């Protein structure tokens, strides 16, 4: 049985979503404030979090950042904000998708199911290919091929590439990518601007035209995202 954590201070929203997810066979956890949400996210190990951004004690953005430090659990934001900049900022800090209020409970259920499928697929895959096998990443061999030629990547370049391809289209800030380089490497020291140098070097190796990249896309003022198109035949 899958387990979902709903963090929202509006009782009616929690009750409606709970009814819908219970009907789908999910176990539902409810948190009415940020502190309770953080505690349950850590101790109950849910499969997904539905997170309201407007909470009475801690902002949803801050909760998202805290969760992302220790976990890649899918996060669906519930937000009354509709400005593009606000929504993009939510994706930058680590949310995987969002639904604006007012919303249909069925839409939330559908979005959650899609996130779970996407996450499970990523976990199960040992080889990723993009743009009709132009770029292939073997996660077991830690090997990257471009046009069927093996590339020589540094450990940091490989870490950055695999981090960005994990969620195509998701915007990663320099701080996010710096954290990826520091994971499991207490000896790594660097600054956010160093990410630009690593990205520049990585582009030289995987892009046909670095001035018009297809894979590592700059999102001005925000960071980077992966622009490759995932091949359907990946297993």
C-alpha atoms as a PDB file:
ATOM      1  CA  UNK A   1       0.000   0.000   0.000  1.00  0.00           C
ATOM      2  CA  UNK A   2       1.401   3.365  -1.039  1.00  0.00           C
ATOM      3  CA  UNK A   3       1.566   6.112   1.531  1.00  0.00           C
ATOM      4  CA  UNK A   4       0.912   9.809   0.865  1.00  0.00           C
ATOM      5  CA  UNK A   5       1.529  12.769   3.156  1.00  0.00           C
ATOM      6  CA  UNK A   6      -0.771  15.787   2.751  1.00  0.00           C
ATOM      7  CA  UNK A   7       0.564  18.975   4.360  1.00  0.00           C
ATOM      8  CA  UNK A   8      -2.152  21.649   4.372  1.00  0.00           C
ATOM      9  CA  UNK A   9      -3.752  23.788   7.072  1.00  0.00           C
ATOM     10  CA  UNK A  10      -7.170  23.801   5.355  1.00  0.00           C
ATOM     11  CA  UNK A  11      -9.135  20.974   6.958  1.00  0.00           C
ATOM     12  CA  UNK A  12     -11.668  20.677   4.134  1.00  0.00           C
ATOM     13  CA  UNK A  13      -8.951  20.239   1.507  1.00  0.00           C
ATOM     14  CA  UNK A  14      -7.268  17.548   3.594  1.00  0.00           C
ATOM     15  CA  UNK A  15     -10.519  15.679   4.123  1.00  0.00           C
ATOM     16  CA  UNK A  16     -11.485  15.785   0.440  1.00  0.00           C
ATOM     17  CA  UNK A  17      -8.072  14.642  -0.768  1.00  0.00           C
ATOM     18  CA  UNK A  18      -7.929  11.967   1.918  1.00  0.00           C
ATOM     19  CA  UNK A  19     -11.262  10.543   0.731  1.00  0.00           C
ATOM     20  CA  UNK A  20     -10.088  10.399  -2.862  1.00  0.00           C
ATOM     21  CA  UNK A  21      -6.749   8.761  -2.067  1.00  0.00           C
ATOM     22  CA  UNK A  22      -8.266   6.241   0.350  1.00  0.00           C
ATOM     23  CA  UNK A  23     -10.614   5.264  -2.466  1.00  0.00           C
ATOM     24  CA  UNK A  24      -7.504   4.646  -4.603  1.00  0.00           C
ATOM     25  CA  UNK A  25      -6.137   2.315  -1.930  1.00  0.00           C
ATOM     26  CA  UNK A  26      -3.562   4.680  -0.447  1.00  0.00           C
ATOM     27  CA  UNK A  27      -2.692   5.174   3.197  1.00  0.00           C
ATOM     28  CA  UNK A  28      -3.058   8.887   3.953  1.00  0.00           C
ATOM     29  CA  UNK A  29      -1.089  10.911   6.495  1.00  0.00           C
ATOM     30  CA  UNK A  30      -2.230  14.431   7.377  1.00  0.00           C
ATOM     31  CA  UNK A  31      -0.179  17.341   8.710  1.00  0.00           C
ATOM     32  CA  UNK A  32      -1.851  20.688   9.411  1.00  0.00           C
ATOM     33  CA  UNK A  33       1.331  22.722   9.758  1.00  0.00           C
ATOM     34  CA  UNK A  34       4.917  22.771   8.554  1.00  0.00           C
ATOM     35  CA  UNK A  35       6.618  21.388  11.657  1.00  0.00           C
ATOM     36  CA  UNK A  36       4.281  18.414  11.754  1.00  0.00           C
ATOM     37  CA  UNK A  37       4.802  17.904   8.029  1.00  0.00           C
ATOM     38  CA  UNK A  38       8.598  17.849   8.357  1.00  0.00           C
ATOM     39  CA  UNK A  39       8.392  15.373  11.247  1.00  0.00           C
ATOM     40  CA  UNK A  40       6.079  12.993   9.393  1.00  0.00           C
ATOM     41  CA  UNK A  41       8.090  13.255   6.187  1.00  0.00           C
ATOM     42  CA  UNK A  42      11.161  12.160   8.124  1.00  0.00           C
ATOM     43  CA  UNK A  43       9.625   9.495  10.381  1.00  0.00           C
ATOM     44  CA  UNK A  44       6.800   8.017   8.259  1.00  0.00           C
ATOM     45  CA  UNK A  45       8.716   7.707   4.952  1.00  0.00           C
ATOM     46  CA  UNK A  46       5.781   8.491   2.617  1.00  0.00           C
ATOM     47  CA  UNK A  47       5.914   7.661  -1.092  1.00  0.00           C
ATOM     48  CA  UNK A  48       4.864  11.196  -2.045  1.00  0.00           C
ATOM     49  CA  UNK A  49       4.111  14.555  -0.423  1.00  0.00           C
ATOM     50  CA  UNK A  50       1.283  16.896  -1.376  1.00  0.00           C
ATOM     51  CA  UNK A  51       2.483  20.229  -0.004  1.00  0.00           C
ATOM     52  CA  UNK A  52       0.623  23.520   0.391  1.00  0.00           C
ATOM     53  CA  UNK A  53       2.939  26.513   0.005  1.00  0.00           C
ATOM     54  CA  UNK A  54       0.960  28.810   2.314  1.00  0.00           C
ATOM     55  CA  UNK A  55       1.259  27.355   5.815  1.00  0.00           C
ATOM     56  CA  UNK A  56       0.869  29.161   9.163  1.00  0.00           C
ATOM     57  CA  UNK A  57       4.295  28.422  10.622  1.00  0.00           C
ATOM     58  CA  UNK A  58       6.838  27.457   7.937  1.00  0.00           C
ATOM     59  CA  UNK A  59       6.545  28.219   4.239  1.00  0.00           C
ATOM     60  CA  UNK A  60       6.091  25.357   1.829  1.00  0.00           C
ATOM     61  CA  UNK A  61       9.223  26.520   0.019  1.00  0.00           C
ATOM     62  CA  UNK A  62      11.301  26.065   3.165  1.00  0.00           C
ATOM     63  CA  UNK A  63       9.794  22.642   3.830  1.00  0.00           C
ATOM     64  CA  UNK A  64      10.617  21.642   0.274  1.00  0.00           C
ATOM     65  CA  UNK A  65      14.237  22.722   0.720  1.00  0.00           C
ATOM     66  CA  UNK A  66      14.560  20.803   3.989  1.00  0.00           C
ATOM     67  CA  UNK A  67      13.054  17.626   2.532  1.00  0.00           C
ATOM     68  CA  UNK A  68      15.306  17.854  -0.526  1.00  0.00           C
ATOM     69  CA  UNK A  69      18.432  17.860   1.632  1.00  0.00           C
ATOM     70  CA  UNK A  70      17.784  14.250   2.649  1.00  0.00           C
ATOM     71  CA  UNK A  71      15.341  12.799   0.146  1.00  0.00           C
ATOM     72  CA  UNK A  72      14.252  12.668  -3.497  1.00  0.00           C
ATOM     73  CA  UNK A  73      10.662  11.874  -2.551  1.00  0.00           C
ATOM     74  CA  UNK A  74       8.238  13.315  -5.156  1.00  0.00           C
ATOM     75  CA  UNK A  75       6.603  16.578  -4.068  1.00  0.00           C
ATOM     76  CA  UNK A  76       3.411  18.001  -5.565  1.00  0.00           C
ATOM     77  CA  UNK A  77       2.801  21.639  -4.614  1.00  0.00           C
ATOM     78  CA  UNK A  78      -0.618  23.093  -3.946  1.00  0.00           C
ATOM     79  CA  UNK A  79      -0.481  26.831  -4.511  1.00  0.00           C
ATOM     80  CA  UNK A  80      -2.811  29.781  -4.797  1.00  0.00           C
ATOM     81  CA  UNK A  81      -0.035  31.604  -6.645  1.00  0.00           C
ATOM     82  CA  UNK A  82      -0.391  31.600 -10.403  1.00  0.00           C
ATOM     83  CA  UNK A  83       2.425  33.919 -11.507  1.00  0.00           C
ATOM     84  CA  UNK A  84       4.892  32.057 -13.716  1.00  0.00           C
ATOM     85  CA  UNK A  85       7.872  33.269 -11.680  1.00  0.00           C
ATOM     86  CA  UNK A  86       6.359  31.922  -8.441  1.00  0.00           C
ATOM     87  CA  UNK A  87       5.601  28.547  -9.996  1.00  0.00           C
ATOM     88  CA  UNK A  88       9.035  28.238 -11.580  1.00  0.00           C
ATOM     89  CA  UNK A  89      10.643  29.101  -8.244  1.00  0.00           C
ATOM     90  CA  UNK A  90       8.771  26.211  -6.654  1.00  0.00           C
ATOM     91  CA  UNK A  91      10.190  23.841  -9.260  1.00  0.00           C
ATOM     92  CA  UNK A  92      13.692  25.239  -8.798  1.00  0.00           C
ATOM     93  CA  UNK A  93      13.707  24.534  -5.054  1.00  0.00           C
ATOM     94  CA  UNK A  94      12.847  20.893  -5.625  1.00  0.00           C
ATOM     95  CA  UNK A  95       9.130  20.371  -6.208  1.00  0.00           C
ATOM     96  CA  UNK A  96       8.278  17.982  -9.039  1.00  0.00           C
ATOM     97  CA  UNK A  97       4.919  19.384 -10.112  1.00  0.00           C
ATOM     98  CA  UNK A  98       2.246  21.824  -8.981  1.00  0.00           C
ATOM     99  CA  UNK A  99      -1.515  22.332  -8.986  1.00  0.00           C
ATOM    100  CA  UNK A 100      -3.042  25.784  -8.551  1.00  0.00           C
ATOM    101  CA  UNK A 101      -6.034  26.403  -6.306  1.00  0.00           C
ATOM    102  CA  UNK A 102      -8.911  25.960  -6.777  1.00  0.00           C
ATOM    103  CA  UNK A 103      -8.353  22.486  -8.184  1.00  0.00           C
ATOM    104  CA  UNK A 104     -10.189  19.294  -8.976  1.00  0.00           C
ATOM    105  CA  UNK A 105      -9.361  16.443  -6.552  1.00  0.00           C
ATOM    106  CA  UNK A 106      -9.325  14.109  -9.565  1.00  0.00           C
ATOM    107  CA  UNK A 107      -6.615  16.239 -11.138  1.00  0.00           C
ATOM    108  CA  UNK A 108      -4.498  15.948  -7.997  1.00  0.00           C
ATOM    109  CA  UNK A 109      -4.925  12.163  -8.013  1.00  0.00           C
ATOM    110  CA  UNK A 110      -3.919  11.999 -11.680  1.00  0.00           C
ATOM    111  CA  UNK A 111      -0.857  14.187 -11.119  1.00  0.00           C
ATOM    112  CA  UNK A 112       0.199  12.074  -8.145  1.00  0.00           C
ATOM    113  CA  UNK A 113      -0.136   8.842 -10.121  1.00  0.00           C
ATOM    114  CA  UNK A 114       1.936  10.325 -12.947  1.00  0.00           C
ATOM    115  CA  UNK A 115       4.683  11.383 -10.519  1.00  0.00           C
ATOM    116  CA  UNK A 116       4.788   7.935  -8.932  1.00  0.00           C
ATOM    117  CA  UNK A 117       5.050   6.256 -12.352  1.00  0.00           C
ATOM    118  CA  UNK A 118       7.816   8.620 -13.412  1.00  0.00           C
ATOM    119  CA  UNK A 119       9.750   8.140 -10.187  1.00  0.00           C
ATOM    120  CA  UNK A 120       9.406   4.354 -10.240  1.00  0.00           C
ATOM    121  CA  UNK A 121      10.537   4.235 -13.859  1.00  0.00           C
ATOM    122  CA  UNK A 122      13.632   6.260 -13.033  1.00  0.00           C
ATOM    123  CA  UNK A 123      14.486   4.001 -10.106  1.00  0.00           C
ATOM    124  CA  UNK A 124      14.137   0.847 -12.199  1.00  0.00           C
ATOM    125  CA  UNK A 125      16.182   2.064 -15.151  1.00  0.00           C
ATOM    126  CA  UNK A 126      19.836   1.119 -15.515  1.00  0.00           C
ATOM    127  CA  UNK A 127      20.338   2.770 -18.907  1.00  0.00           C
ATOM    128  CA  UNK A 128      18.963   6.076 -20.161  1.00  0.00           C
ATOM    129  CA  UNK A 129      18.927   7.203 -23.771  1.00  0.00           C
ATOM    130  CA  UNK A 130      17.886  10.489 -25.320  1.00  0.00           C
ATOM    131  CA  UNK A 131      17.251  11.966 -28.770  1.00  0.00           C
ATOM    132  CA  UNK A 132      17.073   8.615 -30.610  1.00  0.00           C
ATOM    133  CA  UNK A 133      20.125   7.125 -28.880  1.00  0.00           C
ATOM    134  CA  UNK A 134      22.302  10.144 -29.547  1.00  0.00           C
ATOM    135  CA  UNK A 135      23.123  10.376 -25.825  1.00  0.00           C
ATOM    136  CA  UNK A 136      23.216   7.174 -23.761  1.00  0.00           C
ATOM    137  CA  UNK A 137      23.963   6.962 -20.035  1.00  0.00           C
ATOM    138  CA  UNK A 138      24.706   3.553 -18.508  1.00  0.00           C
ATOM    139  CA  UNK A 139      24.068   4.007 -14.789  1.00  0.00           C
ATOM    140  CA  UNK A 140      25.595   0.631 -13.906  1.00  0.00           C
ATOM    141  CA  UNK A 141      28.850   1.040 -15.819  1.00  0.00           C
ATOM    142  CA  UNK A 142      28.853   4.808 -15.175  1.00  0.00           C
ATOM    143  CA  UNK A 143      29.486   5.200 -18.889  1.00  0.00           C
ATOM    144  CA  UNK A 144      28.273   7.956 -21.214  1.00  0.00           C
ATOM    145  CA  UNK A 145      28.111   7.662 -24.998  1.00  0.00           C
ATOM    146  CA  UNK A 146      27.497  10.332 -27.607  1.00  0.00           C
ATOM    147  CA  UNK A 147      26.754   9.028 -31.105  1.00  0.00           C
ATOM    148  CA  UNK A 148      27.862   5.615 -29.813  1.00  0.00           C
ATOM    149  CA  UNK A 149      31.300   6.943 -28.829  1.00  0.00           C
ATOM    150  CA  UNK A 150      32.325   6.665 -25.175  1.00  0.00           C
ATOM    151  CA  UNK A 151      32.973  10.046 -23.583  1.00  0.00           C
ATOM    152  CA  UNK A 152      35.643  10.727 -21.007  1.00  0.00           C
ATOM    153  CA  UNK A 153      33.916  12.649 -18.235  1.00  0.00           C
ATOM    154  CA  UNK A 154      35.369  13.748 -14.936  1.00  0.00           C
ATOM    155  CA  UNK A 155      33.581  12.472 -11.807  1.00  0.00           C
ATOM    156  CA  UNK A 156      32.049  15.908 -11.285  1.00  0.00           C
ATOM    157  CA  UNK A 157      30.822  16.121 -14.880  1.00  0.00           C
ATOM    158  CA  UNK A 158      29.230  12.684 -14.574  1.00  0.00           C
ATOM    159  CA  UNK A 159      27.534  13.629 -11.301  1.00  0.00           C
ATOM    160  CA  UNK A 160      26.145  16.823 -12.810  1.00  0.00           C
ATOM    161  CA  UNK A 161      24.860  15.062 -15.908  1.00  0.00           C
ATOM    162  CA  UNK A 162      23.123  12.248 -14.025  1.00  0.00           C
ATOM    163  CA  UNK A 163      21.615  14.752 -11.581  1.00  0.00           C
ATOM    164  CA  UNK A 164      20.150  16.913 -14.340  1.00  0.00           C
ATOM    165  CA  UNK A 165      18.779  14.008 -16.413  1.00  0.00           C
ATOM    166  CA  UNK A 166      16.971  12.540 -13.391  1.00  0.00           C
ATOM    167  CA  UNK A 167      14.076  14.950 -13.965  1.00  0.00           C
ATOM    168  CA  UNK A 168      14.147  16.301 -17.551  1.00  0.00           C
ATOM    169  CA  UNK A 169      12.755  19.811 -17.672  1.00  0.00           C
ATOM    170  CA  UNK A 170      13.286  20.487 -13.971  1.00  0.00           C
ATOM    171  CA  UNK A 171      15.316  23.631 -13.282  1.00  0.00           C
ATOM    172  CA  UNK A 172      18.325  23.151 -11.002  1.00  0.00           C
ATOM    173  CA  UNK A 173      19.901  26.168  -9.343  1.00  0.00           C
ATOM    174  CA  UNK A 174      23.677  26.359  -8.954  1.00  0.00           C
ATOM    175  CA  UNK A 175      23.206  25.684  -5.242  1.00  0.00           C
ATOM    176  CA  UNK A 176      21.251  22.491  -6.037  1.00  0.00           C
ATOM    177  CA  UNK A 177      23.995  21.243  -8.351  1.00  0.00           C
ATOM    178  CA  UNK A 178      26.720  22.169  -5.897  1.00  0.00           C
ATOM    179  CA  UNK A 179      24.977  20.012  -3.292  1.00  0.00           C
ATOM    180  CA  UNK A 180      24.948  17.123  -5.792  1.00  0.00           C
ATOM    181  CA  UNK A 181      28.720  17.394  -6.179  1.00  0.00           C
ATOM    182  CA  UNK A 182      29.189  17.463  -2.409  1.00  0.00           C
ATOM    183  CA  UNK A 183      27.051  14.391  -1.746  1.00  0.00           C
ATOM    184  CA  UNK A 184      29.135  11.500  -0.375  1.00  0.00           C
ATOM    185  CA  UNK A 185      32.284  13.574  -0.854  1.00  0.00           C
ATOM    186  CA  UNK A 186      33.301  15.410   2.281  1.00  0.00           C
ATOM    187  CA  UNK A 187      36.555  16.516   0.607  1.00  0.00           C
ATOM    188  CA  UNK A 188      34.923  18.378  -2.242  1.00  0.00           C
ATOM    189  CA  UNK A 189      35.048  22.131  -1.893  1.00  0.00           C
ATOM    190  CA  UNK A 190      33.567  24.549  -4.362  1.00  0.00           C
ATOM    191  CA  UNK A 191      31.467  27.587  -5.013  1.00  0.00           C
ATOM    192  CA  UNK A 192      28.237  28.012  -6.900  1.00  0.00           C
ATOM    193  CA  UNK A 193      29.973  29.835  -9.741  1.00  0.00           C
ATOM    194  CA  UNK A 194      32.265  26.816 -10.209  1.00  0.00           C
ATOM    195  CA  UNK A 195      29.178  25.019 -11.491  1.00  0.00           C
ATOM    196  CA  UNK A 196      29.278  27.245 -14.578  1.00  0.00           C
ATOM    197  CA  UNK A 197      32.794  26.004 -15.352  1.00  0.00           C
ATOM    198  CA  UNK A 198      31.780  22.360 -14.981  1.00  0.00           C
ATOM    199  CA  UNK A 199      28.712  22.928 -17.161  1.00  0.00           C
ATOM    200  CA  UNK A 200      30.837  24.667 -19.807  1.00  0.00           C
ATOM    201  CA  UNK A 201      33.255  21.732 -19.907  1.00  0.00           C
ATOM    202  CA  UNK A 202      30.419  19.208 -19.976  1.00  0.00           C
ATOM    203  CA  UNK A 203      28.767  21.004 -22.884  1.00  0.00           C
ATOM    204  CA  UNK A 204      31.983  20.813 -24.893  1.00  0.00           C
ATOM    205  CA  UNK A 205      31.763  17.033 -24.615  1.00  0.00           C
ATOM    206  CA  UNK A 206      28.060  16.331 -25.164  1.00  0.00           C
ATOM    207  CA  UNK A 207      26.837  19.196 -27.346  1.00  0.00           C
ATOM    208  CA  UNK A 208      27.226  19.388 -31.121  1.00  0.00           C
ATOM    209  CA  UNK A 209      26.975  23.183 -30.932  1.00  0.00           C
ATOM    210  CA  UNK A 210      27.716  24.684 -27.521  1.00  0.00           C
ATOM    211  CA  UNK A 211      26.163  27.998 -28.595  1.00  0.00           C
ATOM    212  CA  UNK A 212      22.856  26.253 -29.220  1.00  0.00           C
ATOM    213  CA  UNK A 213      22.834  23.334 -26.752  1.00  0.00           C
ATOM    214  CA  UNK A 214      20.261  20.555 -26.965  1.00  0.00           C
ATOM    215  CA  UNK A 215      20.959  18.850 -23.647  1.00  0.00           C
ATOM    216  CA  UNK A 216      22.173  21.311 -20.986  1.00  0.00           C
ATOM    217  CA  UNK A 217      19.912  24.345 -21.242  1.00  0.00           C
ATOM    218  CA  UNK A 218      20.506  27.609 -19.385  1.00  0.00           C
ATOM    219  CA  UNK A 219      17.469  29.089 -17.644  1.00  0.00           C
ATOM    220  CA  UNK A 220      18.636  32.673 -17.250  1.00  0.00           C
ATOM    221  CA  UNK A 221      18.687  33.950 -13.709  1.00  0.00           C
ATOM    222  CA  UNK A 222      17.694  30.551 -12.316  1.00  0.00           C
ATOM    223  CA  UNK A 223      20.066  27.743 -13.306  1.00  0.00           C
ATOM    224  CA  UNK A 224      20.086  24.815 -15.706  1.00  0.00           C
ATOM    225  CA  UNK A 225      17.763  22.113 -16.981  1.00  0.00           C
ATOM    226  CA  UNK A 226      18.024  19.054 -19.204  1.00  0.00           C
ATOM    227  CA  UNK A 227      16.474  19.518 -22.631  1.00  0.00           C
ATOM    228  CA  UNK A 228      16.979  16.074 -24.154  1.00  0.00           C
ATOM    229  CA  UNK A 229      13.988  13.994 -25.262  1.00  0.00           C
ATOM    230  CA  UNK A 230      13.870  10.629 -23.519  1.00  0.00           C
ATOM    231  CA  UNK A 231      13.583   7.585 -25.763  1.00  0.00           C
ATOM    232  CA  UNK A 232      10.476   5.508 -25.167  1.00  0.00           C
ATOM    233  CA  UNK A 233      12.292   2.174 -25.488  1.00  0.00           C
ATOM    234  CA  UNK A 234      14.446   2.673 -22.375  1.00  0.00           C
ATOM    235  CA  UNK A 235      14.342  -0.246 -19.919  1.00  0.00           C
END
